[in-house]
PDB file of all heavy atoms in Angstrom:
ATOM      1  N   ASN A   1      19.626  -9.403   3.011  1.00  0.00           N
ATOM      2  CA  ASN A   1      20.361 -10.657   3.015  1.00  0.00           C
ATOM      3  C   ASN A   1      20.245 -11.444   1.743  1.00  0.00           C
ATOM      4  O   ASN A   1      21.091 -12.160   1.242  1.00  0.00           O
ATOM      5  CB  ASN A   1      19.875 -11.564   4.174  1.00  0.00           C
ATOM      6  CG  ASN A   1      20.431 -11.085   5.531  1.00  0.00           C
ATOM      7  OD1 ASN A   1      21.250 -10.227   5.658  1.00  0.00           O
ATOM      8  ND2 ASN A   1      19.767 -11.543   6.600  1.00  0.00           N
ATOM      9  N   ARG A   2      19.109 -11.259   1.060  1.00  0.00           N
ATOM     10  CA  ARG A   2      18.853 -11.809  -0.258  1.00  0.00           C
ATOM     11  C   ARG A   2      19.493 -11.116  -1.341  1.00  0.00           C
ATOM     12  O   ARG A   2      19.989 -11.651  -2.290  1.00  0.00           O
ATOM     13  CB  ARG A   2      17.323 -12.000  -0.538  1.00  0.00           C
ATOM     14  CG  ARG A   2      16.669 -12.978   0.350  1.00  0.00           C
ATOM     15  CD  ARG A   2      17.070 -14.416  -0.017  1.00  0.00           C
ATOM     16  NE  ARG A   2      16.434 -15.346   0.896  1.00  0.00           N
ATOM     17  CZ  ARG A   2      15.558 -16.259   0.553  1.00  0.00           C
ATOM     18  NH1 ARG A   2      15.289 -16.443  -0.693  1.00  0.00           N
ATOM     19  NH2 ARG A   2      15.114 -17.099   1.378  1.00  0.00           N
ATOM     20  N   VAL A   3      19.372  -9.786  -1.299  1.00  0.00           N
ATOM     21  CA  VAL A   3      19.919  -8.924  -2.383  1.00  0.00           C
ATOM     22  C   VAL A   3      21.417  -8.883  -2.332  1.00  0.00           C
ATOM     23  O   VAL A   3      22.082  -8.977  -3.383  1.00  0.00           O
ATOM     24  CB  VAL A   3      19.338  -7.480  -2.248  1.00  0.00           C
ATOM     25  CG1 VAL A   3      19.955  -6.588  -3.323  1.00  0.00           C
ATOM     26  CG2 VAL A   3      17.796  -7.455  -2.397  1.00  0.00           C
ATOM     27  N   TYR A   4      22.003  -8.754  -1.178  1.00  0.00           N
ATOM     28  CA  TYR A   4      23.470  -8.702  -0.987  1.00  0.00           C
ATOM     29  C   TYR A   4      23.924  -9.711  -0.054  1.00  0.00           C
ATOM     30  O   TYR A   4      24.288  -9.473   1.083  1.00  0.00           O
ATOM     31  CB  TYR A   4      23.861  -7.304  -0.406  1.00  0.00           C
ATOM     32  CG  TYR A   4      23.375  -6.080  -1.215  1.00  0.00           C
ATOM     33  CD1 TYR A   4      22.192  -5.427  -0.788  1.00  0.00           C
ATOM     34  CD2 TYR A   4      23.929  -5.731  -2.408  1.00  0.00           C
ATOM     35  CE1 TYR A   4      21.723  -4.225  -1.541  1.00  0.00           C
ATOM     36  CE2 TYR A   4      23.469  -4.721  -3.127  1.00  0.00           C
ATOM     37  CZ  TYR A   4      22.329  -3.988  -2.751  1.00  0.00           C
ATOM     38  OH  TYR A   4      21.931  -2.930  -3.477  1.00  0.00           O
ATOM     39  N   PRO A   5      23.958 -10.939  -0.485  1.00  0.00           N
ATOM     40  CA  PRO A   5      24.330 -12.091   0.455  1.00  0.00           C
ATOM     41  C   PRO A   5      25.741 -12.027   0.932  1.00  0.00           C
ATOM     42  O   PRO A   5      26.011 -12.634   1.973  1.00  0.00           O
ATOM     43  CB  PRO A   5      24.060 -13.321  -0.433  1.00  0.00           C
ATOM     44  CG  PRO A   5      24.102 -12.861  -1.871  1.00  0.00           C
ATOM     45  CD  PRO A   5      23.645 -11.432  -1.846  1.00  0.00           C
ATOM     46  N   TYR A   6      26.621 -11.328   0.163  1.00  0.00           N
ATOM     47  CA  TYR A   6      28.028 -11.296   0.618  1.00  0.00           C
ATOM     48  C   TYR A   6      28.533  -9.909   0.998  1.00  0.00           C
ATOM     49  O   TYR A   6      29.716  -9.684   1.144  1.00  0.00           O
ATOM     50  CB  TYR A   6      28.899 -11.877  -0.473  1.00  0.00           C
ATOM     51  CG  TYR A   6      28.561 -13.252  -0.885  1.00  0.00           C
ATOM     52  CD1 TYR A   6      27.927 -13.519  -2.071  1.00  0.00           C
ATOM     53  CD2 TYR A   6      28.692 -14.298   0.054  1.00  0.00           C
ATOM     54  CE1 TYR A   6      27.516 -14.805  -2.352  1.00  0.00           C
ATOM     55  CE2 TYR A   6      28.303 -15.597  -0.285  1.00  0.00           C
ATOM     56  CZ  TYR A   6      27.734 -15.855  -1.484  1.00  0.00           C
ATOM     57  OH  TYR A   6      27.334 -17.152  -1.859  1.00  0.00           O
ATOM     58  N   ASP A   7      27.590  -8.993   1.194  1.00  0.00           N
ATOM     59  CA  ASP A   7      27.974  -7.624   1.520  1.00  0.00           C
ATOM     60  C   ASP A   7      27.075  -7.111   2.644  1.00  0.00           C
ATOM     61  O   ASP A   7      25.969  -6.766   2.430  1.00  0.00           O
ATOM     62  CB  ASP A   7      27.809  -6.697   0.271  1.00  0.00           C
ATOM     63  CG  ASP A   7      28.327  -5.289   0.502  1.00  0.00           C
ATOM     64  OD1 ASP A   7      28.773  -4.907   1.600  1.00  0.00           O
ATOM     65  OD2 ASP A   7      28.231  -4.596  -0.438  1.00  0.00           O
ATOM     66  N   THR A   8      27.677  -7.073   3.802  1.00  0.00           N
ATOM     67  CA  THR A   8      26.877  -6.607   5.015  1.00  0.00           C
ATOM     68  C   THR A   8      27.028  -5.094   5.208  1.00  0.00           C
ATOM     69  O   THR A   8      26.400  -4.612   6.117  1.00  0.00           O
ATOM     70  CB  THR A   8      27.419  -7.316   6.250  1.00  0.00           C
ATOM     71  OG1 THR A   8      28.766  -7.080   6.395  1.00  0.00           O
ATOM     72  CG2 THR A   8      27.227  -8.858   6.153  1.00  0.00           C
ATOM     73  N   SER A   9      27.700  -4.416   4.300  1.00  0.00           N
ATOM     74  CA  SER A   9      27.845  -2.972   4.537  1.00  0.00           C
ATOM     75  C   SER A   9      26.621  -2.181   4.047  1.00  0.00           C
ATOM     76  O   SER A   9      26.416  -1.025   4.346  1.00  0.00           O
ATOM     77  CB  SER A   9      29.093  -2.447   3.804  1.00  0.00           C
ATOM     78  OG  SER A   9      28.934  -2.562   2.451  1.00  0.00           O
ATOM     79  N   VAL A  10      25.735  -2.813   3.236  1.00  0.00           N
ATOM     80  CA  VAL A  10      24.557  -2.115   2.680  1.00  0.00           C
ATOM     81  C   VAL A  10      23.508  -2.210   3.739  1.00  0.00           C
ATOM     82  O   VAL A  10      23.199  -3.257   4.242  1.00  0.00           O
ATOM     83  CB  VAL A  10      24.074  -2.775   1.368  1.00  0.00           C
ATOM     84  CG1 VAL A  10      22.868  -2.036   0.841  1.00  0.00           C
ATOM     85  CG2 VAL A  10      25.221  -2.815   0.321  1.00  0.00           C
ATOM     86  N   THR A  11      22.903  -1.041   4.109  1.00  0.00           N
ATOM     87  CA  THR A  11      21.905  -1.004   5.140  1.00  0.00           C
ATOM     88  C   THR A  11      20.573  -0.433   4.744  1.00  0.00           C
ATOM     89  O   THR A  11      19.641  -0.354   5.535  1.00  0.00           O
ATOM     90  CB  THR A  11      22.448  -0.122   6.331  1.00  0.00           C
ATOM     91  OG1 THR A  11      22.763   1.183   5.881  1.00  0.00           O
ATOM     92  CG2 THR A  11      23.792  -0.697   6.932  1.00  0.00           C
ATOM     93  N   VAL A  12      20.450  -0.069   3.546  1.00  0.00           N
ATOM     94  CA  VAL A  12      19.164   0.514   3.002  1.00  0.00           C
ATOM     95  C   VAL A  12      18.656  -0.379   1.924  1.00  0.00           C
ATOM     96  O   VAL A  12      19.319  -0.699   0.942  1.00  0.00           O
ATOM     97  CB  VAL A  12      19.451   1.979   2.409  1.00  0.00           C
ATOM     98  CG1 VAL A  12      18.103   2.522   1.826  1.00  0.00           C
ATOM     99  CG2 VAL A  12      20.029   2.883   3.526  1.00  0.00           C
ATOM    100  N   VAL A  13      17.388  -0.776   2.110  1.00  0.00           N
ATOM    101  CA  VAL A  13      16.687  -1.591   1.097  1.00  0.00           C
ATOM    102  C   VAL A  13      16.496  -0.804  -0.163  1.00  0.00           C
ATOM    103  O   VAL A  13      15.979   0.323  -0.166  1.00  0.00           O
ATOM    104  CB  VAL A  13      15.278  -2.066   1.694  1.00  0.00           C
ATOM    105  CG1 VAL A  13      14.534  -2.877   0.635  1.00  0.00           C
ATOM    106  CG2 VAL A  13      15.537  -2.876   2.911  1.00  0.00           C
ATOM    107  N   PRO A  14      16.880  -1.332  -1.304  1.00  0.00           N
ATOM    108  CA  PRO A  14      16.627  -0.615  -2.568  1.00  0.00           C
ATOM    109  C   PRO A  14      15.167  -0.410  -2.780  1.00  0.00           C
ATOM    110  O   PRO A  14      14.308  -1.188  -2.411  1.00  0.00           O
ATOM    111  CB  PRO A  14      17.205  -1.596  -3.568  1.00  0.00           C
ATOM    112  CG  PRO A  14      18.201  -2.424  -2.867  1.00  0.00           C
ATOM    113  CD  PRO A  14      17.665  -2.577  -1.451  1.00  0.00           C
ATOM    114  N   ALA A  15      14.852   0.704  -3.402  1.00  0.00           N
ATOM    115  CA  ALA A  15      13.437   1.141  -3.560  1.00  0.00           C
ATOM    116  C   ALA A  15      12.603   0.044  -4.264  1.00  0.00           C
ATOM    117  O   ALA A  15      11.422  -0.140  -3.956  1.00  0.00           O
ATOM    118  CB  ALA A  15      13.403   2.425  -4.378  1.00  0.00           C
ATOM    119  N   ARG A  16      13.227  -0.645  -5.208  1.00  0.00           N
ATOM    120  CA  ARG A  16      12.461  -1.646  -5.972  1.00  0.00           C
ATOM    121  C   ARG A  16      12.003  -2.824  -5.129  1.00  0.00           C
ATOM    122  O   ARG A  16      11.190  -3.633  -5.486  1.00  0.00           O
ATOM    123  CB  ARG A  16      13.189  -2.183  -7.249  1.00  0.00           C
ATOM    124  CG  ARG A  16      14.457  -2.900  -6.779  1.00  0.00           C
ATOM    125  CD  ARG A  16      15.328  -3.167  -7.993  1.00  0.00           C
ATOM    126  NE  ARG A  16      14.700  -4.262  -8.795  1.00  0.00           N
ATOM    127  CZ  ARG A  16      15.385  -4.841  -9.790  1.00  0.00           C
ATOM    128  NH1 ARG A  16      16.585  -4.432 -10.153  1.00  0.00           N
ATOM    129  NH2 ARG A  16      14.870  -5.854 -10.475  1.00  0.00           N
ATOM    130  N   TYR A  17      12.598  -3.022  -3.915  1.00  0.00           N
ATOM    131  CA  TYR A  17      12.307  -4.164  -3.043  1.00  0.00           C
ATOM    132  C   TYR A  17      11.612  -3.764  -1.809  1.00  0.00           C
ATOM    133  O   TYR A  17      11.352  -4.541  -0.896  1.00  0.00           O
ATOM    134  CB  TYR A  17      13.563  -4.919  -2.706  1.00  0.00           C
ATOM    135  CG  TYR A  17      14.280  -5.452  -3.880  1.00  0.00           C
ATOM    136  CD1 TYR A  17      15.652  -5.189  -4.132  1.00  0.00           C
ATOM    137  CD2 TYR A  17      13.611  -6.325  -4.820  1.00  0.00           C
ATOM    138  CE1 TYR A  17      16.314  -5.816  -5.220  1.00  0.00           C
ATOM    139  CE2 TYR A  17      14.224  -6.803  -5.830  1.00  0.00           C
ATOM    140  CZ  TYR A  17      15.616  -6.577  -6.090  1.00  0.00           C
ATOM    141  OH  TYR A  17      16.199  -7.104  -7.189  1.00  0.00           O
ATOM    142  N   ARG A  18      11.197  -2.493  -1.722  1.00  0.00           N
ATOM    143  CA  ARG A  18      10.449  -1.994  -0.533  1.00  0.00           C
ATOM    144  C   ARG A  18       9.007  -2.614  -0.349  1.00  0.00           C
ATOM    145  O   ARG A  18       8.591  -2.869   0.672  1.00  0.00           O
ATOM    146  CB  ARG A  18      10.363  -0.524  -0.535  1.00  0.00           C
ATOM    147  CG  ARG A  18      11.793   0.133  -0.356  1.00  0.00           C
ATOM    148  CD  ARG A  18      11.787   1.449   0.183  1.00  0.00           C
ATOM    149  NE  ARG A  18      12.507   1.331   1.443  1.00  0.00           N
ATOM    150  CZ  ARG A  18      12.359   2.242   2.393  1.00  0.00           C
ATOM    151  NH1 ARG A  18      11.612   3.269   2.262  1.00  0.00           N
ATOM    152  NH2 ARG A  18      12.995   2.112   3.582  1.00  0.00           N
ATOM    153  N   VAL A  19       8.419  -3.004  -1.471  1.00  0.00           N
ATOM    154  CA  VAL A  19       7.118  -3.675  -1.455  1.00  0.00           C
ATOM    155  C   VAL A  19       7.284  -5.024  -0.820  1.00  0.00           C
ATOM    156  O   VAL A  19       6.530  -5.508   0.007  1.00  0.00           O
ATOM    157  CB  VAL A  19       6.445  -3.730  -2.771  1.00  0.00           C
ATOM    158  CG1 VAL A  19       5.267  -4.610  -2.808  1.00  0.00           C
ATOM    159  CG2 VAL A  19       6.058  -2.335  -3.235  1.00  0.00           C
ATOM    160  N   ASN A  20       8.433  -5.765  -1.154  1.00  0.00           N
ATOM    161  CA  ASN A  20       8.741  -6.985  -0.616  1.00  0.00           C
ATOM    162  C   ASN A  20       8.948  -6.824   0.928  1.00  0.00           C
ATOM    163  O   ASN A  20       8.365  -7.695   1.728  1.00  0.00           O
ATOM    164  CB  ASN A  20      10.014  -7.623  -1.225  1.00  0.00           C
ATOM    165  CG  ASN A  20       9.890  -7.943  -2.633  1.00  0.00           C
ATOM    166  OD1 ASN A  20       9.987  -7.042  -3.495  1.00  0.00           O
ATOM    167  ND2 ASN A  20       9.589  -9.223  -3.020  1.00  0.00           N
ATOM    168  N   GLN A  21       9.692  -5.851   1.273  1.00  0.00           N
ATOM    169  CA  GLN A  21       9.853  -5.578   2.744  1.00  0.00           C
ATOM    170  C   GLN A  21       8.523  -5.381   3.442  1.00  0.00           C
ATOM    171  O   GLN A  21       8.306  -5.966   4.492  1.00  0.00           O
ATOM    172  CB  GLN A  21      10.759  -4.366   2.875  1.00  0.00           C
ATOM    173  CG  GLN A  21      11.022  -3.980   4.355  1.00  0.00           C
ATOM    174  CD  GLN A  21      11.818  -2.670   4.444  1.00  0.00           C
ATOM    175  OE1 GLN A  21      12.051  -1.943   3.456  1.00  0.00           O
ATOM    176  NE2 GLN A  21      12.232  -2.367   5.645  1.00  0.00           N
ATOM    177  N   LEU A  22       7.723  -4.639   2.886  1.00  0.00           N
ATOM    178  CA  LEU A  22       6.378  -4.282   3.499  1.00  0.00           C
ATOM    179  C   LEU A  22       5.509  -5.536   3.646  1.00  0.00           C
ATOM    180  O   LEU A  22       4.934  -5.869   4.676  1.00  0.00           O
ATOM    181  CB  LEU A  22       5.654  -3.259   2.667  1.00  0.00           C
ATOM    182  CG  LEU A  22       4.265  -2.790   3.110  1.00  0.00           C
ATOM    183  CD1 LEU A  22       4.353  -2.175   4.489  1.00  0.00           C
ATOM    184  CD2 LEU A  22       3.698  -1.951   2.065  1.00  0.00           C
ATOM    185  N   ASN A  23       5.519  -6.354   2.501  1.00  0.00           N
ATOM    186  CA  ASN A  23       4.747  -7.613   2.586  1.00  0.00           C
ATOM    187  C   ASN A  23       5.267  -8.633   3.545  1.00  0.00           C
ATOM    188  O   ASN A  23       4.500  -9.325   4.225  1.00  0.00           O
ATOM    189  CB  ASN A  23       4.694  -8.226   1.162  1.00  0.00           C
ATOM    190  CG  ASN A  23       3.720  -7.474   0.228  1.00  0.00           C
ATOM    191  OD1 ASN A  23       2.790  -6.825   0.683  1.00  0.00           O
ATOM    192  ND2 ASN A  23       4.039  -7.484  -1.055  1.00  0.00           N
ATOM    193  N   ILE A  24       6.570  -8.723   3.701  1.00  0.00           N
ATOM    194  CA  ILE A  24       7.176  -9.600   4.686  1.00  0.00           C
ATOM    195  C   ILE A  24       6.789  -9.135   6.127  1.00  0.00           C
ATOM    196  O   ILE A  24       6.527  -9.915   6.940  1.00  0.00           O
ATOM    197  CB  ILE A  24       8.682  -9.788   4.405  1.00  0.00           C
ATOM    198  CG1 ILE A  24       8.926 -10.489   3.184  1.00  0.00           C
ATOM    199  CG2 ILE A  24       9.378 -10.464   5.606  1.00  0.00           C
ATOM    200  CD1 ILE A  24      10.406 -10.409   2.615  1.00  0.00           C
ATOM    201  N   ALA A  25       6.969  -7.796   6.311  1.00  0.00           N
ATOM    202  CA  ALA A  25       6.619  -7.327   7.681  1.00  0.00           C
ATOM    203  C   ALA A  25       5.126  -7.632   7.987  1.00  0.00           C
ATOM    204  O   ALA A  25       4.890  -8.054   9.110  1.00  0.00           O
ATOM    205  CB  ALA A  25       6.919  -5.859   7.717  1.00  0.00           C
ATOM    206  N   ALA A  26       4.259  -7.333   7.057  1.00  0.00           N
ATOM    207  CA  ALA A  26       2.845  -7.684   7.291  1.00  0.00           C
ATOM    208  C   ALA A  26       2.620  -9.143   7.572  1.00  0.00           C
ATOM    209  O   ALA A  26       1.860  -9.479   8.453  1.00  0.00           O
ATOM    210  CB  ALA A  26       1.947  -7.184   6.096  1.00  0.00           C
ATOM    211  N   TYR A  27       3.268 -10.014   6.797  1.00  0.00           N
ATOM    212  CA  TYR A  27       3.140 -11.442   6.942  1.00  0.00           C
ATOM    213  C   TYR A  27       3.533 -11.810   8.375  1.00  0.00           C
ATOM    214  O   TYR A  27       2.824 -12.608   9.085  1.00  0.00           O
ATOM    215  CB  TYR A  27       3.969 -12.136   5.897  1.00  0.00           C
ATOM    216  CG  TYR A  27       4.022 -13.672   6.172  1.00  0.00           C
ATOM    217  CD1 TYR A  27       2.970 -14.504   5.680  1.00  0.00           C
ATOM    218  CD2 TYR A  27       5.115 -14.209   6.844  1.00  0.00           C
ATOM    219  CE1 TYR A  27       3.045 -15.859   5.950  1.00  0.00           C
ATOM    220  CE2 TYR A  27       5.157 -15.617   7.029  1.00  0.00           C
ATOM    221  CZ  TYR A  27       4.159 -16.332   6.608  1.00  0.00           C
ATOM    222  OH  TYR A  27       4.145 -17.735   6.842  1.00  0.00           O
ATOM    223  N   LEU A  28       4.731 -11.287   8.848  1.00  0.00           N
ATOM    224  CA  LEU A  28       5.217 -11.688  10.146  1.00  0.00           C
ATOM    225  C   LEU A  28       4.238 -11.239  11.275  1.00  0.00           C
ATOM    226  O   LEU A  28       4.010 -11.860  12.272  1.00  0.00           O
ATOM    227  CB  LEU A  28       6.633 -11.100  10.357  1.00  0.00           C
ATOM    228  CG  LEU A  28       7.679 -11.690   9.484  1.00  0.00           C
ATOM    229  CD1 LEU A  28       8.964 -10.960   9.604  1.00  0.00           C
ATOM    230  CD2 LEU A  28       7.924 -13.189   9.809  1.00  0.00           C
ATOM    231  N   LEU A  29       3.762  -9.982  11.052  1.00  0.00           N
ATOM    232  CA  LEU A  29       2.828  -9.455  12.162  1.00  0.00           C
ATOM    233  C   LEU A  29       1.483 -10.204  12.148  1.00  0.00           C
ATOM    234  O   LEU A  29       0.938 -10.444  13.217  1.00  0.00           O
ATOM    235  CB  LEU A  29       2.579  -7.939  11.906  1.00  0.00           C
ATOM    236  CG  LEU A  29       3.758  -7.055  12.291  1.00  0.00           C
ATOM    237  CD1 LEU A  29       3.501  -5.620  11.805  1.00  0.00           C
ATOM    238  CD2 LEU A  29       4.030  -7.097  13.747  1.00  0.00           C
ATOM    239  N   ASN A  30       0.991 -10.509  10.978  1.00  0.00           N
ATOM    240  CA  ASN A  30      -0.270 -11.173  10.942  1.00  0.00           C
ATOM    241  C   ASN A  30      -0.196 -12.657  11.368  1.00  0.00           C
ATOM    242  O   ASN A  30      -1.261 -13.239  11.696  1.00  0.00           O
ATOM    243  CB  ASN A  30      -0.842 -11.107   9.469  1.00  0.00           C
ATOM    244  CG  ASN A  30      -1.317  -9.770   9.173  1.00  0.00           C
ATOM    245  OD1 ASN A  30      -1.820  -9.005  10.049  1.00  0.00           O
ATOM    246  ND2 ASN A  30      -1.275  -9.423   7.940  1.00  0.00           N
ATOM    247  N   LYS A  31       0.970 -13.231  11.373  1.00  0.00           N
ATOM    248  CA  LYS A  31       1.160 -14.631  11.753  1.00  0.00           C
ATOM    249  C   LYS A  31       1.415 -14.818  13.265  1.00  0.00           C
ATOM    250  O   LYS A  31       1.454 -15.936  13.778  1.00  0.00           O
ATOM    251  CB  LYS A  31       2.382 -15.078  11.015  1.00  0.00           C
ATOM    252  CG  LYS A  31       2.547 -16.617  10.960  1.00  0.00           C
ATOM    253  CD  LYS A  31       3.688 -17.046  10.057  1.00  0.00           C
ATOM    254  CE  LYS A  31       4.932 -17.350  10.838  1.00  0.00           C
ATOM    255  NZ  LYS A  31       5.859 -18.102  10.091  1.00  0.00           N
ATOM    256  N   ARG A  32       1.488 -13.705  13.998  1.00  0.00           N
ATOM    257  CA  ARG A  32       1.828 -13.788  15.400  1.00  0.00           C
ATOM    258  C   ARG A  32       0.736 -14.662  16.094  1.00  0.00           C
ATOM    259  O   ARG A  32      -0.362 -14.585  15.817  1.00  0.00           O
ATOM    260  CB  ARG A  32       1.813 -12.414  16.081  1.00  0.00           C
ATOM    261  CG  ARG A  32       3.057 -11.621  15.781  1.00  0.00           C
ATOM    262  CD  ARG A  32       2.994 -10.327  16.408  1.00  0.00           C
ATOM    263  NE  ARG A  32       1.838  -9.535  15.929  1.00  0.00           N
ATOM    264  CZ  ARG A  32       1.233  -8.581  16.589  1.00  0.00           C
ATOM    265  NH1 ARG A  32       1.664  -8.160  17.711  1.00  0.00           N
ATOM    266  NH2 ARG A  32       0.237  -7.975  16.031  1.00  0.00           N
ATOM    267  N   GLY A  33       1.237 -15.582  16.964  1.00  0.00           N
ATOM    268  CA  GLY A  33       0.356 -16.377  17.676  1.00  0.00           C
ATOM    269  C   GLY A  33       0.175 -17.780  16.996  1.00  0.00           C
ATOM    270  O   GLY A  33      -0.317 -18.753  17.635  1.00  0.00           O
ATOM    271  N   ALA A  34       0.679 -17.844  15.788  1.00  0.00           N
ATOM    272  CA  ALA A  34       0.614 -19.166  15.042  1.00  0.00           C
ATOM    273  C   ALA A  34       1.942 -19.442  14.408  1.00  0.00           C
ATOM    274  O   ALA A  34       2.002 -20.069  13.394  1.00  0.00           O
ATOM    275  CB  ALA A  34      -0.518 -19.036  13.928  1.00  0.00           C
ATOM    276  N   GLU A  35       3.028 -18.958  14.987  1.00  0.00           N
ATOM    277  CA  GLU A  35       4.343 -19.119  14.504  1.00  0.00           C
ATOM    278  C   GLU A  35       4.643 -20.599  14.301  1.00  0.00           C
ATOM    279  O   GLU A  35       4.413 -21.425  15.179  1.00  0.00           O
ATOM    280  CB  GLU A  35       5.417 -18.526  15.420  1.00  0.00           C
ATOM    281  CG  GLU A  35       5.321 -16.996  15.440  1.00  0.00           C
ATOM    282  CD  GLU A  35       4.403 -16.449  16.523  1.00  0.00           C
ATOM    283  OE1 GLU A  35       3.601 -17.300  17.077  1.00  0.00           O
ATOM    284  OE2 GLU A  35       4.441 -15.253  16.875  1.00  0.00           O
ATOM    285  N   GLY A  36       5.206 -20.905  13.122  1.00  0.00           N
ATOM    286  CA  GLY A  36       5.599 -22.271  12.923  1.00  0.00           C
ATOM    287  C   GLY A  36       4.462 -23.284  12.616  1.00  0.00           C
ATOM    288  O   GLY A  36       4.756 -24.403  12.429  1.00  0.00           O
ATOM    289  N   GLN A  37       3.291 -22.821  12.610  1.00  0.00           N
ATOM    290  CA  GLN A  37       2.173 -23.768  12.390  1.00  0.00           C
ATOM    291  C   GLN A  37       2.220 -24.410  11.001  1.00  0.00           C
ATOM    292  O   GLN A  37       2.393 -23.708  10.050  1.00  0.00           O
ATOM    293  CB  GLN A  37       0.871 -22.992  12.517  1.00  0.00           C
ATOM    294  CG  GLN A  37      -0.340 -23.842  12.445  1.00  0.00           C
ATOM    295  CD  GLN A  37      -1.591 -23.023  12.766  1.00  0.00           C
ATOM    296  OE1 GLN A  37      -1.906 -22.094  11.971  1.00  0.00           O
ATOM    297  NE2 GLN A  37      -2.348 -23.307  13.833  1.00  0.00           N
ATOM    298  N   LEU A  38       2.141 -25.682  10.944  1.00  0.00           N
ATOM    299  CA  LEU A  38       2.197 -26.363   9.683  1.00  0.00           C
ATOM    300  C   LEU A  38       0.736 -26.755   9.136  1.00  0.00           C
ATOM    301  O   LEU A  38       0.485 -26.427   7.929  1.00  0.00           O
ATOM    302  CB  LEU A  38       2.967 -27.679   9.778  1.00  0.00           C
ATOM    303  CG  LEU A  38       4.485 -27.466  10.190  1.00  0.00           C
ATOM    304  CD1 LEU A  38       5.154 -28.765  10.345  1.00  0.00           C
ATOM    305  CD2 LEU A  38       5.199 -26.627   9.158  1.00  0.00           C
ATOM    306  N   VAL A  39      -0.095 -27.171  10.025  1.00  0.00           N
ATOM    307  CA  VAL A  39      -1.464 -27.436   9.581  1.00  0.00           C
ATOM    308  C   VAL A  39      -2.400 -27.264  10.777  1.00  0.00           C
ATOM    309  O   VAL A  39      -2.122 -27.524  11.816  1.00  0.00           O
ATOM    310  CB  VAL A  39      -1.609 -28.937   9.136  1.00  0.00           C
ATOM    311  CG1 VAL A  39      -3.048 -29.258   8.713  1.00  0.00           C
ATOM    312  CG2 VAL A  39      -0.650 -29.223   7.952  1.00  0.00           C
ATOM    313  N   MET A  40      -3.560 -26.671  10.411  1.00  0.00           N
ATOM    314  CA  MET A  40      -4.622 -26.456  11.423  1.00  0.00           C
ATOM    315  C   MET A  40      -5.905 -26.514  10.721  1.00  0.00           C
ATOM    316  O   MET A  40      -6.134 -25.911   9.645  1.00  0.00           O
ATOM    317  CB  MET A  40      -4.490 -25.151  12.118  1.00  0.00           C
ATOM    318  CG  MET A  40      -5.560 -24.974  13.208  1.00  0.00           C
ATOM    319  SD  MET A  40      -5.643 -23.266  13.791  1.00  0.00           S
ATOM    320  CE  MET A  40      -7.325 -22.902  13.244  1.00  0.00           C
TER     321      MET A  40
END
């Protein structure tokens, strides 16, 4: 969605952004149980 904001036909993440994909996935999984937390 960030790389191709106006082209929904692309379905494969370019190789140069796969690390971003991996880091985002890890962030989302590690944040489970504290979704939306602003301060604790």
